[in-house]
Amino acid sequence: MNVQTCSEQLIYEIRAPACYYTPDCVADFSNVSSEQAGKDRVRVSGAAGRPRTDTLEASVGYKDGYIGSCGLSFGGPKCFERTVLAVQMVEKISETYYHPAEHRVDIIGYNSLYPRDLSEGFPGGTEPLELRLRVAERDADKETFTMIFNEVDAFTIDRPANCGGMERHITELVAVLSVLVPHEDIETSYVEEVL
């Protein structure tokens, strides 16, 4: 335990340090200072507070659709050109038929980390031996993923040649929303634990 670890814990997930709602008060951490007071001891001072509000903050989880991705590998001569063709086909199919809420297509090894226009060609003039196409989606409808991913899977048999290694993942999203609930709507009770 030191000043750094305590400071990090103090500001963890606090959006407004001068106005942090707790069940007991509205805490003000904007003038807090810390100093090392010995081995594994930190003295913290300067915190202030105001009376609690009429509400409590609650985190509510709710179902927020799905995210998913699929991938396909391209190898051998002219794999860059074939992967670019696959990207263009996926984009056109998605725009024309499926319209997911969020959509992204990357070529891992070319533009997945750093944005790069597909028309620029492969950098350095050296043709890669292999690349991986990644299609990522977000949508409320799970069936949209299945249809788009089936289209990508079809590349292995009737579209740009020399590709394989198809994988797909679809995950339901649970989002969290912070809401304020009036105190009188919350029932509390205490249970004594006997060991």
N, C-alpha and C. Protein backbone atom coordinates (compact mmCIF):
# COMPACT_ATOMS: atom_id res chain seq x y z
N MET A 1 0.85 -1.17 0.00
CA MET A 1 0.00 0.00 0.00
C MET A 1 0.89 1.22 0.00
N ASN A 2 0.65 2.11 -0.95
CA ASN A 2 1.41 3.36 -1.00
C ASN A 2 0.52 4.46 -1.57
N VAL A 3 1.05 5.67 -1.69
CA VAL A 3 0.26 6.82 -2.14
C VAL A 3 -0.33 6.55 -3.52
N GLN A 4 0.47 5.96 -4.41
CA GLN A 4 -0.02 5.72 -5.77
C GLN A 4 -1.19 4.74 -5.78
N THR A 5 -1.08 3.61 -5.10
CA THR A 5 -2.16 2.62 -5.13
C THR A 5 -3.42 3.17 -4.46
N CYS A 6 -3.26 3.93 -3.38
CA CYS A 6 -4.43 4.52 -2.71
C CYS A 6 -5.08 5.60 -3.58
N SER A 7 -4.27 6.39 -4.27
CA SER A 7 -4.81 7.44 -5.15
C SER A 7 -5.58 6.81 -6.31
N GLU A 8 -5.03 5.74 -6.87
CA GLU A 8 -5.72 5.06 -7.96
C GLU A 8 -7.06 4.49 -7.49
N GLN A 9 -7.08 3.92 -6.30
CA GLN A 9 -8.32 3.36 -5.78
C GLN A 9 -9.34 4.46 -5.49
N LEU A 10 -8.86 5.59 -5.00
CA LEU A 10 -9.75 6.70 -4.66
C LEU A 10 -10.50 7.23 -5.87
N ILE A 11 -9.82 7.31 -7.02
CA ILE A 11 -10.46 7.90 -8.20
C ILE A 11 -11.06 6.86 -9.14
N TYR A 12 -11.04 5.59 -8.74
CA TYR A 12 -11.56 4.53 -9.60
C TYR A 12 -13.05 4.74 -9.88
N GLU A 13 -13.38 4.89 -11.15
CA GLU A 13 -14.76 5.04 -11.62
C GLU A 13 -15.50 6.24 -11.01
N ILE A 14 -14.78 7.27 -10.63
CA ILE A 14 -15.41 8.49 -10.13
C ILE A 14 -15.42 9.51 -11.26
N ARG A 15 -16.60 9.84 -11.75
CA ARG A 15 -16.71 10.77 -12.87
C ARG A 15 -16.60 12.22 -12.41
N ALA A 16 -17.10 12.52 -11.21
CA ALA A 16 -17.10 13.90 -10.71
C ALA A 16 -16.53 13.90 -9.29
N PRO A 17 -15.21 14.06 -9.13
CA PRO A 17 -14.60 13.97 -7.79
C PRO A 17 -15.15 14.96 -6.77
N ALA A 18 -15.68 16.09 -7.20
CA ALA A 18 -16.22 17.08 -6.27
C ALA A 18 -17.66 16.79 -5.88
N CYS A 19 -18.27 15.81 -6.55
CA CYS A 19 -19.69 15.54 -6.31
C CYS A 19 -19.95 14.05 -6.52
N TYR A 20 -19.42 13.23 -5.61
CA TYR A 20 -19.55 11.78 -5.73
C TYR A 20 -20.64 11.29 -4.79
N TYR A 21 -21.71 10.75 -5.36
CA TYR A 21 -22.84 10.28 -4.55
C TYR A 21 -22.49 8.97 -3.87
N THR A 22 -22.73 8.92 -2.57
CA THR A 22 -22.63 7.67 -1.82
C THR A 22 -23.97 7.50 -1.09
N PRO A 23 -24.24 6.34 -0.52
CA PRO A 23 -25.49 6.17 0.22
C PRO A 23 -25.62 7.10 1.43
N ASP A 24 -24.49 7.56 1.98
CA ASP A 24 -24.51 8.35 3.22
C ASP A 24 -24.35 9.85 3.03
N CYS A 25 -23.70 10.25 1.94
CA CYS A 25 -23.44 11.67 1.73
C CYS A 25 -23.04 11.90 0.28
N VAL A 26 -22.84 13.17 -0.07
CA VAL A 26 -22.23 13.51 -1.35
C VAL A 26 -20.78 13.87 -1.03
N ALA A 27 -19.87 13.02 -1.43
CA ALA A 27 -18.46 13.20 -1.08
C ALA A 27 -17.79 14.16 -2.06
N ASP A 28 -16.83 14.93 -1.51
CA ASP A 28 -16.03 15.84 -2.31
C ASP A 28 -14.57 15.46 -2.13
N PHE A 29 -13.99 14.86 -3.17
CA PHE A 29 -12.59 14.41 -3.11
C PHE A 29 -11.65 15.37 -3.84
N SER A 30 -12.14 16.55 -4.23
CA SER A 30 -11.34 17.44 -5.08
C SER A 30 -10.14 18.05 -4.36
N ASN A 31 -10.13 18.07 -3.02
CA ASN A 31 -9.00 18.65 -2.28
C ASN A 31 -8.25 17.61 -1.46
N VAL A 32 -8.38 16.34 -1.84
CA VAL A 32 -7.73 15.27 -1.08
C VAL A 32 -6.23 15.28 -1.33
N SER A 33 -5.48 15.05 -0.26
CA SER A 33 -4.04 14.85 -0.41
C SER A 33 -3.65 13.59 0.36
N SER A 34 -2.59 12.96 -0.10
CA SER A 34 -2.14 11.70 0.52
C SER A 34 -0.65 11.79 0.79
N GLU A 35 -0.23 11.14 1.88
CA GLU A 35 1.20 11.07 2.17
C GLU A 35 1.51 9.71 2.79
N GLN A 36 2.69 9.22 2.48
CA GLN A 36 3.11 7.94 3.03
C GLN A 36 3.35 8.12 4.53
N ALA A 37 2.71 7.28 5.35
CA ALA A 37 2.81 7.41 6.81
C ALA A 37 3.53 6.21 7.42
N GLY A 38 4.20 5.43 6.65
CA GLY A 38 4.89 4.25 7.13
C GLY A 38 4.71 3.11 6.13
N LYS A 39 5.28 1.96 6.48
CA LYS A 39 5.16 0.81 5.60
C LYS A 39 3.69 0.39 5.54
N ASP A 40 3.14 0.35 4.31
CA ASP A 40 1.75 -0.02 4.08
C ASP A 40 0.76 0.86 4.84
N ARG A 41 1.13 2.13 5.04
CA ARG A 41 0.24 3.08 5.71
C ARG A 41 0.25 4.39 4.92
N VAL A 42 -0.95 4.88 4.61
CA VAL A 42 -1.08 6.13 3.87
C VAL A 42 -2.06 7.03 4.62
N ARG A 43 -1.65 8.28 4.86
CA ARG A 43 -2.53 9.24 5.52
C ARG A 43 -3.25 10.04 4.43
N VAL A 44 -4.58 10.04 4.47
CA VAL A 44 -5.40 10.74 3.49
C VAL A 44 -6.15 11.84 4.22
N SER A 45 -6.12 13.05 3.67
CA SER A 45 -6.82 14.17 4.30
C SER A 45 -7.42 15.07 3.22
N GLY A 46 -8.32 15.93 3.65
CA GLY A 46 -8.89 16.93 2.74
C GLY A 46 -10.23 16.56 2.13
N ALA A 47 -10.74 15.38 2.44
CA ALA A 47 -12.05 15.01 1.90
C ALA A 47 -13.13 15.79 2.64
N ALA A 48 -14.17 16.12 1.94
CA ALA A 48 -15.31 16.84 2.53
C ALA A 48 -16.59 16.19 2.04
N GLY A 49 -17.70 16.67 2.56
CA GLY A 49 -18.96 16.08 2.12
C GLY A 49 -20.13 17.00 2.39
N ARG A 50 -21.21 16.70 1.74
CA ARG A 50 -22.47 17.40 1.94
C ARG A 50 -23.53 16.35 2.28
N PRO A 51 -24.67 16.78 2.80
CA PRO A 51 -25.71 15.80 3.13
C PRO A 51 -26.11 14.97 1.92
N ARG A 52 -26.57 13.78 2.20
CA ARG A 52 -26.97 12.89 1.11
C ARG A 52 -28.17 13.48 0.36
N THR A 53 -28.34 13.04 -0.85
CA THR A 53 -29.47 13.48 -1.67
C THR A 53 -30.69 12.62 -1.33
N ASP A 54 -31.79 12.90 -1.99
CA ASP A 54 -33.02 12.12 -1.78
C ASP A 54 -33.02 10.84 -2.61
N THR A 55 -31.91 10.58 -3.30
CA THR A 55 -31.86 9.41 -4.17
C THR A 55 -30.62 8.57 -3.89
N LEU A 56 -30.68 7.32 -4.34
CA LEU A 56 -29.52 6.43 -4.34
C LEU A 56 -29.21 6.08 -5.78
N GLU A 57 -27.94 5.91 -6.07
CA GLU A 57 -27.55 5.51 -7.41
C GLU A 57 -27.53 3.99 -7.49
N ALA A 58 -28.14 3.47 -8.53
CA ALA A 58 -28.16 2.03 -8.74
C ALA A 58 -27.65 1.72 -10.14
N SER A 59 -26.92 0.64 -10.26
CA SER A 59 -26.47 0.17 -11.57
C SER A 59 -27.43 -0.92 -12.03
N VAL A 60 -28.01 -0.70 -13.19
CA VAL A 60 -29.00 -1.62 -13.72
C VAL A 60 -28.45 -2.25 -14.98
N GLY A 61 -28.45 -3.59 -15.02
CA GLY A 61 -28.02 -4.29 -16.22
C GLY A 61 -29.21 -4.57 -17.12
N TYR A 62 -29.00 -4.44 -18.42
CA TYR A 62 -30.08 -4.74 -19.36
C TYR A 62 -29.49 -5.34 -20.64
N LYS A 63 -30.29 -6.13 -21.32
CA LYS A 63 -29.85 -6.75 -22.56
C LYS A 63 -29.79 -5.69 -23.65
N ASP A 64 -28.64 -5.63 -24.34
CA ASP A 64 -28.40 -4.57 -25.31
C ASP A 64 -27.95 -5.14 -26.66
N GLY A 65 -28.58 -6.21 -27.08
CA GLY A 65 -28.26 -6.76 -28.39
C GLY A 65 -27.09 -7.72 -28.36
N TYR A 66 -26.38 -7.77 -29.48
CA TYR A 66 -25.30 -8.75 -29.64
C TYR A 66 -24.09 -8.10 -30.30
N ILE A 67 -22.92 -8.64 -30.00
CA ILE A 67 -21.72 -8.32 -30.76
C ILE A 67 -21.19 -9.64 -31.29
N GLY A 68 -20.52 -9.55 -32.40
CA GLY A 68 -19.98 -10.78 -32.97
C GLY A 68 -18.87 -10.48 -33.95
N SER A 69 -18.08 -11.51 -34.21
CA SER A 69 -17.03 -11.38 -35.21
C SER A 69 -16.83 -12.72 -35.87
N CYS A 70 -16.33 -12.66 -37.09
CA CYS A 70 -15.94 -13.88 -37.78
C CYS A 70 -14.64 -13.58 -38.51
N GLY A 71 -13.90 -14.62 -38.82
CA GLY A 71 -12.62 -14.44 -39.47
C GLY A 71 -12.37 -15.50 -40.52
N LEU A 72 -11.54 -15.14 -41.47
CA LEU A 72 -11.20 -16.03 -42.57
C LEU A 72 -9.79 -15.70 -43.01
N SER A 73 -8.96 -16.72 -43.24
CA SER A 73 -7.57 -16.51 -43.64
C SER A 73 -7.38 -16.66 -45.14
N PHE A 74 -6.54 -15.80 -45.70
CA PHE A 74 -6.17 -15.86 -47.12
C PHE A 74 -4.66 -16.05 -47.20
N GLY A 75 -4.21 -16.98 -48.02
CA GLY A 75 -2.78 -17.22 -48.13
C GLY A 75 -2.36 -17.43 -49.57
N GLY A 76 -1.05 -17.38 -49.79
CA GLY A 76 -0.51 -17.65 -51.11
C GLY A 76 -0.38 -16.41 -51.96
N PRO A 77 0.00 -16.62 -53.23
CA PRO A 77 0.20 -15.49 -54.14
C PRO A 77 -1.05 -14.62 -54.26
N LYS A 78 -0.82 -13.33 -54.30
CA LYS A 78 -1.89 -12.33 -54.44
C LYS A 78 -2.95 -12.41 -53.34
N CYS A 79 -2.54 -12.83 -52.14
CA CYS A 79 -3.53 -12.92 -51.06
C CYS A 79 -4.04 -11.54 -50.66
N PHE A 80 -3.22 -10.50 -50.82
CA PHE A 80 -3.69 -9.15 -50.48
C PHE A 80 -4.84 -8.75 -51.40
N GLU A 81 -4.66 -8.94 -52.71
CA GLU A 81 -5.71 -8.56 -53.66
C GLU A 81 -6.99 -9.36 -53.41
N ARG A 82 -6.87 -10.64 -53.08
CA ARG A 82 -8.05 -11.46 -52.82
C ARG A 82 -8.74 -11.05 -51.53
N THR A 83 -7.96 -10.66 -50.52
CA THR A 83 -8.56 -10.22 -49.26
C THR A 83 -9.27 -8.88 -49.45
N VAL A 84 -8.67 -7.98 -50.22
CA VAL A 84 -9.33 -6.70 -50.52
C VAL A 84 -10.64 -6.95 -51.25
N LEU A 85 -10.65 -7.86 -52.20
CA LEU A 85 -11.87 -8.20 -52.92
C LEU A 85 -12.93 -8.73 -51.95
N ALA A 86 -12.50 -9.57 -51.01
CA ALA A 86 -13.44 -10.10 -50.00
C ALA A 86 -14.01 -8.98 -49.14
N VAL A 87 -13.17 -8.02 -48.73
CA VAL A 87 -13.64 -6.87 -47.95
C VAL A 87 -14.71 -6.12 -48.73
N GLN A 88 -14.44 -5.84 -49.99
CA GLN A 88 -15.40 -5.10 -50.81
C GLN A 88 -16.71 -5.87 -50.95
N MET A 89 -16.63 -7.18 -51.11
CA MET A 89 -17.84 -7.99 -51.24
C MET A 89 -18.64 -7.99 -49.94
N VAL A 90 -17.95 -8.14 -48.79
CA VAL A 90 -18.65 -8.13 -47.50
C VAL A 90 -19.34 -6.78 -47.28
N GLU A 91 -18.64 -5.71 -47.58
CA GLU A 91 -19.21 -4.37 -47.41
C GLU A 91 -20.47 -4.21 -48.27
N LYS A 92 -20.40 -4.64 -49.53
CA LYS A 92 -21.54 -4.50 -50.44
C LYS A 92 -22.71 -5.36 -49.98
N ILE A 93 -22.45 -6.60 -49.59
CA ILE A 93 -23.51 -7.50 -49.14
C ILE A 93 -24.18 -6.94 -47.88
N SER A 94 -23.35 -6.46 -46.95
CA SER A 94 -23.88 -5.93 -45.69
C SER A 94 -24.74 -4.69 -45.93
N GLU A 95 -24.24 -3.77 -46.75
CA GLU A 95 -24.98 -2.53 -47.06
C GLU A 95 -26.29 -2.82 -47.80
N THR A 96 -26.24 -3.79 -48.70
CA THR A 96 -27.40 -4.06 -49.56
C THR A 96 -28.50 -4.81 -48.84
N TYR A 97 -28.12 -5.81 -48.02
CA TYR A 97 -29.14 -6.72 -47.49
C TYR A 97 -29.38 -6.67 -45.98
N TYR A 98 -28.36 -6.37 -45.17
CA TYR A 98 -28.49 -6.64 -43.74
C TYR A 98 -28.51 -5.42 -42.85
N HIS A 99 -27.80 -4.38 -43.15
CA HIS A 99 -27.81 -3.11 -42.41
C HIS A 99 -27.61 -3.27 -40.90
N PRO A 100 -26.51 -3.88 -40.43
CA PRO A 100 -26.31 -3.98 -38.98
C PRO A 100 -26.13 -2.60 -38.36
N ALA A 101 -26.41 -2.49 -37.07
CA ALA A 101 -26.29 -1.20 -36.38
C ALA A 101 -24.85 -0.68 -36.44
N GLU A 102 -23.88 -1.57 -36.21
CA GLU A 102 -22.47 -1.21 -36.32
C GLU A 102 -21.77 -2.30 -37.10
N HIS A 103 -20.84 -1.91 -37.94
CA HIS A 103 -20.22 -2.85 -38.85
C HIS A 103 -18.77 -2.43 -39.09
N ARG A 104 -17.85 -3.39 -39.05
CA ARG A 104 -16.45 -3.09 -39.32
C ARG A 104 -15.81 -4.29 -39.98
N VAL A 105 -15.01 -4.02 -41.01
CA VAL A 105 -14.26 -5.08 -41.68
C VAL A 105 -12.80 -4.66 -41.71
N ASP A 106 -11.93 -5.52 -41.23
CA ASP A 106 -10.49 -5.25 -41.18
C ASP A 106 -9.72 -6.37 -41.86
N ILE A 107 -8.53 -6.02 -42.29
CA ILE A 107 -7.57 -7.03 -42.73
C ILE A 107 -6.48 -7.05 -41.67
N ILE A 108 -6.44 -8.12 -40.89
CA ILE A 108 -5.42 -8.24 -39.85
C ILE A 108 -4.08 -8.44 -40.54
N GLY A 109 -3.13 -7.58 -40.21
CA GLY A 109 -1.84 -7.56 -40.87
C GLY A 109 -1.72 -6.41 -41.85
N TYR A 110 -2.81 -5.63 -42.01
CA TYR A 110 -2.78 -4.49 -42.92
C TYR A 110 -3.41 -3.24 -42.32
N ASN A 111 -4.68 -3.30 -41.90
CA ASN A 111 -5.33 -2.08 -41.42
C ASN A 111 -6.16 -2.28 -40.16
N SER A 112 -5.91 -3.34 -39.40
CA SER A 112 -6.72 -3.57 -38.20
C SER A 112 -6.30 -2.69 -37.03
N LEU A 113 -5.05 -2.25 -36.98
CA LEU A 113 -4.59 -1.38 -35.90
C LEU A 113 -4.43 0.06 -36.35
N TYR A 114 -3.97 0.26 -37.57
CA TYR A 114 -3.73 1.60 -38.08
C TYR A 114 -4.56 1.80 -39.35
N PRO A 115 -5.41 2.82 -39.38
CA PRO A 115 -6.25 3.03 -40.56
C PRO A 115 -5.39 3.19 -41.81
N ARG A 116 -5.80 2.51 -42.85
CA ARG A 116 -5.08 2.58 -44.11
C ARG A 116 -6.09 2.29 -45.22
N ASP A 117 -6.03 3.09 -46.27
CA ASP A 117 -6.94 2.92 -47.40
C ASP A 117 -6.53 1.68 -48.19
N LEU A 118 -7.53 0.88 -48.58
CA LEU A 118 -7.25 -0.35 -49.32
C LEU A 118 -6.62 -0.08 -50.68
N SER A 119 -6.83 1.11 -51.23
CA SER A 119 -6.28 1.42 -52.55
C SER A 119 -4.78 1.70 -52.51
N GLU A 120 -4.20 1.84 -51.31
CA GLU A 120 -2.78 2.16 -51.19
C GLU A 120 -1.88 0.98 -51.55
N GLY A 121 -2.43 -0.22 -51.57
CA GLY A 121 -1.60 -1.40 -51.82
C GLY A 121 -0.84 -1.80 -50.57
N PHE A 122 -0.16 -2.91 -50.64
CA PHE A 122 0.56 -3.39 -49.46
C PHE A 122 1.85 -2.60 -49.32
N PRO A 123 2.17 -2.10 -48.09
CA PRO A 123 3.34 -1.23 -47.92
C PRO A 123 4.66 -1.97 -48.14
N GLY A 124 5.64 -1.23 -48.61
CA GLY A 124 6.98 -1.78 -48.76
C GLY A 124 7.19 -2.62 -50.00
N GLY A 125 6.13 -2.82 -50.76
CA GLY A 125 6.27 -3.57 -51.99
C GLY A 125 6.41 -5.07 -51.82
N THR A 126 6.50 -5.55 -50.59
CA THR A 126 6.64 -6.98 -50.35
C THR A 126 5.26 -7.58 -50.15
N GLU A 127 4.94 -8.55 -50.96
CA GLU A 127 3.63 -9.18 -50.84
C GLU A 127 3.61 -10.12 -49.65
N PRO A 128 2.55 -10.06 -48.83
CA PRO A 128 2.48 -10.95 -47.67
C PRO A 128 2.19 -12.39 -48.11
N LEU A 129 2.52 -13.33 -47.24
CA LEU A 129 2.21 -14.73 -47.51
C LEU A 129 0.83 -15.10 -47.00
N GLU A 130 0.32 -14.33 -46.02
CA GLU A 130 -1.00 -14.63 -45.47
C GLU A 130 -1.58 -13.39 -44.81
N LEU A 131 -2.90 -13.31 -44.83
CA LEU A 131 -3.64 -12.23 -44.17
C LEU A 131 -4.93 -12.83 -43.61
N ARG A 132 -5.55 -12.09 -42.69
CA ARG A 132 -6.80 -12.58 -42.11
C ARG A 132 -7.86 -11.50 -42.20
N LEU A 133 -9.00 -11.87 -42.74
CA LEU A 133 -10.16 -10.99 -42.81
C LEU A 133 -10.92 -11.11 -41.50
N ARG A 134 -11.29 -9.96 -40.91
CA ARG A 134 -12.12 -9.97 -39.71
C ARG A 134 -13.34 -9.09 -39.94
N VAL A 135 -14.50 -9.65 -39.70
CA VAL A 135 -15.76 -8.91 -39.82
C VAL A 135 -16.36 -8.83 -38.42
N ALA A 136 -16.63 -7.61 -37.96
CA ALA A 136 -17.20 -7.41 -36.62
C ALA A 136 -18.52 -6.65 -36.76
N GLU A 137 -19.49 -7.07 -35.98
CA GLU A 137 -20.83 -6.49 -36.06
C GLU A 137 -21.39 -6.24 -34.66
N ARG A 138 -22.33 -5.30 -34.60
CA ARG A 138 -23.14 -5.08 -33.40
C ARG A 138 -24.56 -4.83 -33.87
N ASP A 139 -25.51 -5.55 -33.29
CA ASP A 139 -26.89 -5.40 -33.73
C ASP A 139 -27.82 -5.96 -32.67
N ALA A 140 -29.09 -5.55 -32.72
CA ALA A 140 -30.08 -6.07 -31.78
C ALA A 140 -30.57 -7.45 -32.18
N ASP A 141 -30.40 -7.79 -33.46
CA ASP A 141 -30.94 -9.03 -33.99
C ASP A 141 -29.83 -10.06 -34.22
N LYS A 142 -29.87 -11.15 -33.48
CA LYS A 142 -28.85 -12.20 -33.62
C LYS A 142 -28.86 -12.82 -35.01
N GLU A 143 -30.01 -12.87 -35.64
CA GLU A 143 -30.13 -13.48 -36.97
C GLU A 143 -29.32 -12.71 -38.01
N THR A 144 -29.15 -11.38 -37.81
CA THR A 144 -28.35 -10.58 -38.73
C THR A 144 -26.92 -11.11 -38.78
N PHE A 145 -26.37 -11.45 -37.62
CA PHE A 145 -25.01 -11.99 -37.58
C PHE A 145 -24.93 -13.30 -38.34
N THR A 146 -25.88 -14.17 -38.06
CA THR A 146 -25.86 -15.49 -38.69
C THR A 146 -25.85 -15.35 -40.20
N MET A 147 -26.68 -14.47 -40.74
CA MET A 147 -26.76 -14.28 -42.18
C MET A 147 -25.46 -13.71 -42.75
N ILE A 148 -24.91 -12.67 -42.11
CA ILE A 148 -23.66 -12.07 -42.60
C ILE A 148 -22.52 -13.08 -42.51
N PHE A 149 -22.44 -13.79 -41.40
CA PHE A 149 -21.35 -14.75 -41.22
C PHE A 149 -21.48 -15.92 -42.19
N ASN A 150 -22.70 -16.32 -42.52
CA ASN A 150 -22.89 -17.34 -43.54
C ASN A 150 -22.38 -16.86 -44.90
N GLU A 151 -22.59 -15.57 -45.19
CA GLU A 151 -22.07 -15.00 -46.44
C GLU A 151 -20.54 -15.08 -46.46
N VAL A 152 -19.90 -14.76 -45.33
CA VAL A 152 -18.44 -14.83 -45.26
C VAL A 152 -17.98 -16.28 -45.39
N ASP A 153 -18.66 -17.18 -44.73
CA ASP A 153 -18.32 -18.60 -44.80
C ASP A 153 -18.38 -19.10 -46.24
N ALA A 154 -19.30 -18.55 -47.04
CA ALA A 154 -19.44 -18.98 -48.43
C ALA A 154 -18.20 -18.63 -49.27
N PHE A 155 -17.36 -17.71 -48.79
CA PHE A 155 -16.14 -17.37 -49.52
C PHE A 155 -15.25 -18.61 -49.70
N THR A 156 -15.34 -19.54 -48.78
CA THR A 156 -14.46 -20.72 -48.84
C THR A 156 -14.81 -21.65 -50.00
N ILE A 157 -16.02 -21.50 -50.57
CA ILE A 157 -16.39 -22.40 -51.66
C ILE A 157 -16.74 -21.71 -52.97
N ASP A 158 -17.15 -20.44 -52.95
CA ASP A 158 -17.58 -19.86 -54.22
C ASP A 158 -17.17 -18.41 -54.43
N ARG A 159 -16.16 -17.95 -53.70
CA ARG A 159 -15.74 -16.56 -53.88
C ARG A 159 -14.22 -16.52 -53.91
N PRO A 160 -13.53 -15.43 -53.51
CA PRO A 160 -12.07 -15.38 -53.69
C PRO A 160 -11.37 -16.65 -53.20
N ALA A 161 -10.57 -17.24 -54.06
CA ALA A 161 -9.99 -18.56 -53.79
C ALA A 161 -8.89 -18.53 -52.73
N ASN A 162 -8.52 -19.74 -52.29
CA ASN A 162 -7.44 -19.95 -51.31
C ASN A 162 -7.71 -19.25 -49.99
N CYS A 163 -8.86 -19.52 -49.41
CA CYS A 163 -9.15 -18.99 -48.09
C CYS A 163 -9.77 -20.10 -47.26
N GLY A 164 -9.64 -19.97 -45.96
CA GLY A 164 -10.19 -20.98 -45.06
C GLY A 164 -10.00 -20.58 -43.63
N GLY A 165 -10.24 -21.52 -42.71
CA GLY A 165 -10.06 -21.24 -41.29
C GLY A 165 -11.15 -20.36 -40.72
N MET A 166 -12.37 -20.55 -41.20
CA MET A 166 -13.50 -19.73 -40.74
C MET A 166 -13.77 -19.98 -39.26
N GLU A 167 -13.94 -18.90 -38.53
CA GLU A 167 -14.40 -18.98 -37.14
C GLU A 167 -15.38 -17.86 -36.91
N ARG A 168 -16.32 -18.10 -35.98
CA ARG A 168 -17.32 -17.08 -35.68
C ARG A 168 -17.64 -17.10 -34.20
N HIS A 169 -17.95 -15.92 -33.68
CA HIS A 169 -18.33 -15.76 -32.27
C HIS A 169 -19.45 -14.74 -32.20
N ILE A 170 -20.50 -15.08 -31.47
CA ILE A 170 -21.59 -14.15 -31.23
C ILE A 170 -21.86 -14.14 -29.72
N THR A 171 -21.90 -12.97 -29.13
CA THR A 171 -22.07 -12.82 -27.69
C THR A 171 -23.19 -11.83 -27.40
N GLU A 172 -24.06 -12.21 -26.48
CA GLU A 172 -25.11 -11.27 -26.06
C GLU A 172 -24.49 -10.20 -25.17
N LEU A 173 -24.88 -8.97 -25.39
CA LEU A 173 -24.37 -7.85 -24.60
C LEU A 173 -25.28 -7.57 -23.41
N VAL A 174 -24.69 -7.37 -22.27
CA VAL A 174 -25.41 -6.85 -21.11
C VAL A 174 -24.78 -5.50 -20.80
N ALA A 175 -25.54 -4.45 -21.01
CA ALA A 175 -25.05 -3.10 -20.76
C ALA A 175 -25.45 -2.68 -19.35
N VAL A 176 -24.76 -1.68 -18.83
CA VAL A 176 -25.04 -1.18 -17.48
C VAL A 176 -25.41 0.30 -17.58
N LEU A 177 -26.47 0.65 -16.90
CA LEU A 177 -26.94 2.02 -16.86
C LEU A 177 -27.04 2.45 -15.40
N SER A 178 -26.48 3.60 -15.07
CA SER A 178 -26.60 4.14 -13.72
C SER A 178 -27.85 5.01 -13.64
N VAL A 179 -28.70 4.73 -12.65
CA VAL A 179 -29.94 5.49 -12.47
C VAL A 179 -30.05 5.93 -11.02
N LEU A 180 -30.83 6.98 -10.79
CA LEU A 180 -31.09 7.46 -9.44
C LEU A 180 -32.47 6.99 -9.00
N VAL A 181 -32.53 6.39 -7.82
CA VAL A 181 -33.76 5.82 -7.29
C VAL A 181 -34.07 6.54 -5.97
N PRO A 182 -35.31 7.00 -5.77
CA PRO A 182 -35.65 7.65 -4.51
C PRO A 182 -35.41 6.72 -3.31
N HIS A 183 -34.90 7.29 -2.22
CA HIS A 183 -34.64 6.51 -1.00
C HIS A 183 -35.85 5.69 -0.57
N GLU A 184 -37.04 6.32 -0.64
CA GLU A 184 -38.23 5.63 -0.12
C GLU A 184 -38.61 4.41 -0.94
N ASP A 185 -38.05 4.28 -2.16
CA ASP A 185 -38.35 3.11 -2.98
C ASP A 185 -37.43 1.92 -2.69
N ILE A 186 -36.47 2.12 -1.78
CA ILE A 186 -35.51 1.07 -1.46
C ILE A 186 -35.78 0.55 -0.06
N GLU A 187 -36.00 -0.75 0.06
CA GLU A 187 -36.15 -1.36 1.37
C GLU A 187 -34.85 -2.01 1.78
N THR A 188 -34.40 -1.69 2.99
CA THR A 188 -33.16 -2.29 3.47
C THR A 188 -33.45 -3.11 4.73
N SER A 189 -32.64 -4.11 4.93
CA SER A 189 -32.74 -4.92 6.13
C SER A 189 -31.35 -5.43 6.48
N TYR A 190 -31.18 -5.78 7.74
CA TYR A 190 -29.90 -6.27 8.20
C TYR A 190 -30.05 -7.69 8.70
N VAL A 191 -29.12 -8.51 8.34
CA VAL A 191 -29.15 -9.91 8.74
C VAL A 191 -27.89 -10.20 9.55
N GLU A 192 -28.08 -10.73 10.73
CA GLU A 192 -26.91 -11.11 11.52
C GLU A 192 -26.41 -12.45 11.04
N GLU A 193 -25.13 -12.50 10.79
CA GLU A 193 -24.55 -13.76 10.33
C GLU A 193 -23.93 -14.47 11.53
N VAL A 194 -24.34 -15.66 11.74
CA VAL A 194 -23.80 -16.46 12.86
C VAL A 194 -22.92 -17.54 12.27
N LEU A 195 -21.70 -17.56 12.75
CA LEU A 195 -20.75 -18.57 12.24
C LEU A 195 -20.67 -19.74 13.18
